[in-house]
Amino acid sequence: MKGKAFMAIAALAAAAGLVVTGAASAGGGGAETKVTIKAPGGDVFGKVKSSKPNKCANGRKVKVYRQKGGAQGGGDDIKIGSDIAQANGPNYEWNIGQPGVSGKKIYARAGKIRGCKADNSKTIRAGSTS
């Protein structure tokens, strides 16, 4: 009977070790990502930046939203376009063209992907120079 009890305790200890290891690896979340947005005229464009640019910036999908409420991510925000960031010299740039949102509040979002954190740009008013 002592042998079976020992085996049961050893199995529980091993299982507990796997749970702790899994939780520790999930906590990091990946490399930081930074998304920028500009819309000084009709075009809406920006950059994706990361400490791991080949993994987290190059080829990264960016979605642009029209912000309807006072804060980003409200359930009523409207997706107005998306693009894939591509290398342009040292930068990774995206551009959705002219979606017709002059004067509207907009922001860009790069969602979380494996090894890379998500980020939202600041909210800007399309057509302004800030």
C-alpha atoms as a PDB file:
ATOM      1  CA  MET A   1       0.000   0.000   0.000  1.00  0.00           C
ATOM      2  CA  LYS A   2       2.890   2.363   0.747  1.00  0.00           C
ATOM      3  CA  GLY A   3       4.118   2.011  -2.851  1.00  0.00           C
ATOM      4  CA  LYS A   4       0.778   3.076  -4.322  1.00  0.00           C
ATOM      5  CA  ALA A   5       0.535   6.064  -1.976  1.00  0.00           C
ATOM      6  CA  PHE A   6       4.067   7.145  -2.935  1.00  0.00           C
ATOM      7  CA  MET A   7       3.231   6.860  -6.652  1.00  0.00           C
ATOM      8  CA  ALA A   8       0.042   8.910  -6.194  1.00  0.00           C
ATOM      9  CA  ILE A   9       1.926  11.667  -4.353  1.00  0.00           C
ATOM     10  CA  ALA A  10       4.671  11.686  -6.997  1.00  0.00           C
ATOM     11  CA  ALA A  11       2.063  11.971  -9.781  1.00  0.00           C
ATOM     12  CA  LEU A  12       0.330  14.882  -8.028  1.00  0.00           C
ATOM     13  CA  ALA A  13       3.653  16.671  -7.508  1.00  0.00           C
ATOM     14  CA  ALA A  14       4.540  16.264 -11.191  1.00  0.00           C
ATOM     15  CA  ALA A  15       1.134  17.584 -12.265  1.00  0.00           C
ATOM     16  CA  ALA A  16       1.477  20.590  -9.949  1.00  0.00           C
ATOM     17  CA  GLY A  17       4.886  21.331 -11.475  1.00  0.00           C
ATOM     18  CA  LEU A  18       3.393  21.377 -14.974  1.00  0.00           C
ATOM     19  CA  VAL A  19       0.646  23.790 -13.900  1.00  0.00           C
ATOM     20  CA  VAL A  20       3.165  26.191 -12.342  1.00  0.00           C
ATOM     21  CA  THR A  21       5.447  26.019 -15.402  1.00  0.00           C
ATOM     22  CA  GLY A  22       2.549  26.701 -17.773  1.00  0.00           C
ATOM     23  CA  ALA A  23       1.365  29.691 -15.751  1.00  0.00           C
ATOM     24  CA  ALA A  24       4.862  31.165 -15.637  1.00  0.00           C
ATOM     25  CA  SER A  25       5.342  30.898 -19.395  1.00  0.00           C
ATOM     26  CA  ALA A  26       1.913  32.391 -20.132  1.00  0.00           C
ATOM     27  CA  GLY A  27       2.514  35.459 -17.950  1.00  0.00           C
ATOM     28  CA  GLY A  28       5.120  37.157 -20.177  1.00  0.00           C
ATOM     29  CA  GLY A  29       2.779  38.040 -23.009  1.00  0.00           C
ATOM     30  CA  GLY A  30       5.483  38.649 -25.608  1.00  0.00           C
ATOM     31  CA  ALA A  31       7.447  41.539 -27.027  1.00  0.00           C
ATOM     32  CA  GLU A  32       6.172  45.097 -26.745  1.00  0.00           C
ATOM     33  CA  THR A  33       4.456  46.522 -29.830  1.00  0.00           C
ATOM     34  CA  LYS A  34       3.808  50.195 -30.633  1.00  0.00           C
ATOM     35  CA  VAL A  35       1.321  51.349 -33.278  1.00  0.00           C
ATOM     36  CA  THR A  36       1.183  54.925 -34.584  1.00  0.00           C
ATOM     37  CA  ILE A  37      -1.438  56.661 -36.716  1.00  0.00           C
ATOM     38  CA  LYS A  38      -1.551  59.849 -38.792  1.00  0.00           C
ATOM     39  CA  ALA A  39      -4.254  61.335 -40.997  1.00  0.00           C
ATOM     40  CA  PRO A  40      -3.178  64.884 -41.900  1.00  0.00           C
ATOM     41  CA  GLY A  41      -5.190  64.930 -45.143  1.00  0.00           C
ATOM     42  CA  GLY A  42      -7.305  62.213 -46.664  1.00  0.00           C
ATOM     43  CA  ASP A  43      -4.813  59.351 -46.227  1.00  0.00           C
ATOM     44  CA  VAL A  44      -4.720  57.305 -43.011  1.00  0.00           C
ATOM     45  CA  PHE A  45      -1.349  55.669 -42.307  1.00  0.00           C
ATOM     46  CA  GLY A  46       1.152  54.823 -39.594  1.00  0.00           C
ATOM     47  CA  LYS A  47       3.885  52.528 -38.342  1.00  0.00           C
ATOM     48  CA  VAL A  48       4.303  49.398 -36.259  1.00  0.00           C
ATOM     49  CA  LYS A  49       7.359  49.320 -33.998  1.00  0.00           C
ATOM     50  CA  SER A  50       8.737  46.559 -31.783  1.00  0.00           C
ATOM     51  CA  SER A  51      11.897  45.371 -30.061  1.00  0.00           C
ATOM     52  CA  LYS A  52      11.448  42.279 -32.281  1.00  0.00           C
ATOM     53  CA  PRO A  53      10.637  43.970 -35.615  1.00  0.00           C
ATOM     54  CA  ASN A  54      10.927  40.896 -37.849  1.00  0.00           C
ATOM     55  CA  LYS A  55       8.463  38.972 -35.706  1.00  0.00           C
ATOM     56  CA  CYS A  56       6.170  41.678 -34.340  1.00  0.00           C
ATOM     57  CA  ALA A  57       6.163  44.505 -36.918  1.00  0.00           C
ATOM     58  CA  ASN A  58       6.892  43.138 -40.393  1.00  0.00           C
ATOM     59  CA  GLY A  59       3.749  41.554 -41.824  1.00  0.00           C
ATOM     60  CA  ARG A  60       1.612  42.629 -38.852  1.00  0.00           C
ATOM     61  CA  LYS A  61      -2.075  43.251 -39.532  1.00  0.00           C
ATOM     62  CA  VAL A  62      -3.303  46.676 -38.433  1.00  0.00           C
ATOM     63  CA  LYS A  63      -6.995  47.525 -38.206  1.00  0.00           C
ATOM     64  CA  VAL A  64      -8.278  51.102 -38.137  1.00  0.00           C
ATOM     65  CA  TYR A  65     -11.441  52.025 -36.257  1.00  0.00           C
ATOM     66  CA  ARG A  66     -13.716  55.044 -36.094  1.00  0.00           C
ATOM     67  CA  GLN A  67     -14.188  55.755 -32.399  1.00  0.00           C
ATOM     68  CA  LYS A  68     -17.857  56.355 -31.631  1.00  0.00           C
ATOM     69  CA  GLY A  69     -17.767  56.893 -27.857  1.00  0.00           C
ATOM     70  CA  GLY A  70     -15.482  58.625 -25.415  1.00  0.00           C
ATOM     71  CA  ALA A  71     -12.989  55.747 -25.203  1.00  0.00           C
ATOM     72  CA  GLN A  72     -11.422  53.220 -27.545  1.00  0.00           C
ATOM     73  CA  GLY A  73     -12.790  49.731 -27.771  1.00  0.00           C
ATOM     74  CA  GLY A  74     -16.406  50.527 -27.163  1.00  0.00           C
ATOM     75  CA  GLY A  75     -18.762  48.016 -28.671  1.00  0.00           C
ATOM     76  CA  ASP A  76     -19.948  50.614 -31.169  1.00  0.00           C
ATOM     77  CA  ASP A  77     -16.550  51.462 -32.741  1.00  0.00           C
ATOM     78  CA  ILE A  78     -16.586  50.841 -36.494  1.00  0.00           C
ATOM     79  CA  LYS A  79     -13.779  49.135 -38.411  1.00  0.00           C
ATOM     80  CA  ILE A  80     -12.978  51.340 -41.403  1.00  0.00           C
ATOM     81  CA  GLY A  81     -10.057  49.452 -42.909  1.00  0.00           C
ATOM     82  CA  SER A  82      -6.976  47.312 -42.424  1.00  0.00           C
ATOM     83  CA  ASP A  83      -3.519  46.802 -43.895  1.00  0.00           C
ATOM     84  CA  ILE A  84      -0.401  44.706 -43.389  1.00  0.00           C
ATOM     85  CA  ALA A  85       2.695  46.569 -42.148  1.00  0.00           C
ATOM     86  CA  GLN A  86       5.597  46.255 -44.558  1.00  0.00           C
ATOM     87  CA  ALA A  87       9.245  47.226 -44.385  1.00  0.00           C
ATOM     88  CA  ASN A  88      10.117  50.633 -45.804  1.00  0.00           C
ATOM     89  CA  GLY A  89      13.746  51.226 -44.885  1.00  0.00           C
ATOM     90  CA  PRO A  90      14.077  50.840 -41.116  1.00  0.00           C
ATOM     91  CA  ASN A  91      10.327  51.349 -40.591  1.00  0.00           C
ATOM     92  CA  TYR A  92       7.333  49.019 -40.882  1.00  0.00           C
ATOM     93  CA  GLU A  93       4.523  51.055 -42.378  1.00  0.00           C
ATOM     94  CA  TRP A  94       0.820  50.551 -43.114  1.00  0.00           C
ATOM     95  CA  ASN A  95      -1.651  52.679 -45.119  1.00  0.00           C
ATOM     96  CA  ILE A  96      -5.404  52.280 -45.667  1.00  0.00           C
ATOM     97  CA  GLY A  97      -5.699  55.091 -48.208  1.00  0.00           C
ATOM     98  CA  GLN A  98      -8.583  57.548 -48.036  1.00  0.00           C
ATOM     99  CA  PRO A  99     -11.502  56.012 -46.109  1.00  0.00           C
ATOM    100  CA  GLY A 100     -13.527  59.260 -45.991  1.00  0.00           C
ATOM    101  CA  VAL A 101     -13.336  59.914 -42.252  1.00  0.00           C
ATOM    102  CA  SER A 102     -12.164  63.536 -42.246  1.00  0.00           C
ATOM    103  CA  GLY A 103     -13.034  65.190 -38.944  1.00  0.00           C
ATOM    104  CA  LYS A 104     -13.822  61.854 -37.239  1.00  0.00           C
ATOM    105  CA  LYS A 105     -11.993  60.282 -34.279  1.00  0.00           C
ATOM    106  CA  ILE A 106      -9.967  57.250 -35.387  1.00  0.00           C
ATOM    107  CA  TYR A 107      -7.355  54.874 -33.979  1.00  0.00           C
ATOM    108  CA  ALA A 108      -5.300  51.890 -35.138  1.00  0.00           C
ATOM    109  CA  ARG A 109      -4.932  48.501 -33.469  1.00  0.00           C
ATOM    110  CA  ALA A 110      -2.459  45.666 -33.879  1.00  0.00           C
ATOM    111  CA  GLY A 111      -3.928  42.665 -32.093  1.00  0.00           C
ATOM    112  CA  LYS A 112      -1.940  40.225 -30.008  1.00  0.00           C
ATOM    113  CA  ILE A 113      -0.126  37.523 -31.946  1.00  0.00           C
ATOM    114  CA  ARG A 114       2.076  34.705 -30.692  1.00  0.00           C
ATOM    115  CA  GLY A 115       5.107  36.238 -28.989  1.00  0.00           C
ATOM    116  CA  CYS A 116       3.942  39.849 -29.515  1.00  0.00           C
ATOM    117  CA  LYS A 117       1.717  42.085 -27.412  1.00  0.00           C
ATOM    118  CA  ALA A 118      -1.242  44.030 -28.791  1.00  0.00           C
ATOM    119  CA  ASP A 119      -1.301  47.820 -28.976  1.00  0.00           C
ATOM    120  CA  ASN A 120      -3.712  50.613 -29.845  1.00  0.00           C
ATOM    121  CA  SER A 121      -2.492  53.940 -31.207  1.00  0.00           C
ATOM    122  CA  LYS A 122      -3.653  57.144 -29.630  1.00  0.00           C
ATOM    123  CA  THR A 123      -6.993  58.443 -30.894  1.00  0.00           C
ATOM    124  CA  ILE A 124      -6.655  61.268 -33.424  1.00  0.00           C
ATOM    125  CA  ARG A 125      -9.077  63.393 -35.381  1.00  0.00           C
ATOM    126  CA  ALA A 126      -8.657  62.622 -39.090  1.00  0.00           C
ATOM    127  CA  GLY A 127      -7.674  65.638 -41.140  1.00  0.00           C
ATOM    128  CA  SER A 128      -5.728  67.275 -38.303  1.00  0.00           C
ATOM    129  CA  THR A 129      -1.954  67.607 -38.204  1.00  0.00           C
ATOM    130  CA  SER A 130      -1.497  66.318 -34.649  1.00  0.00           C
END
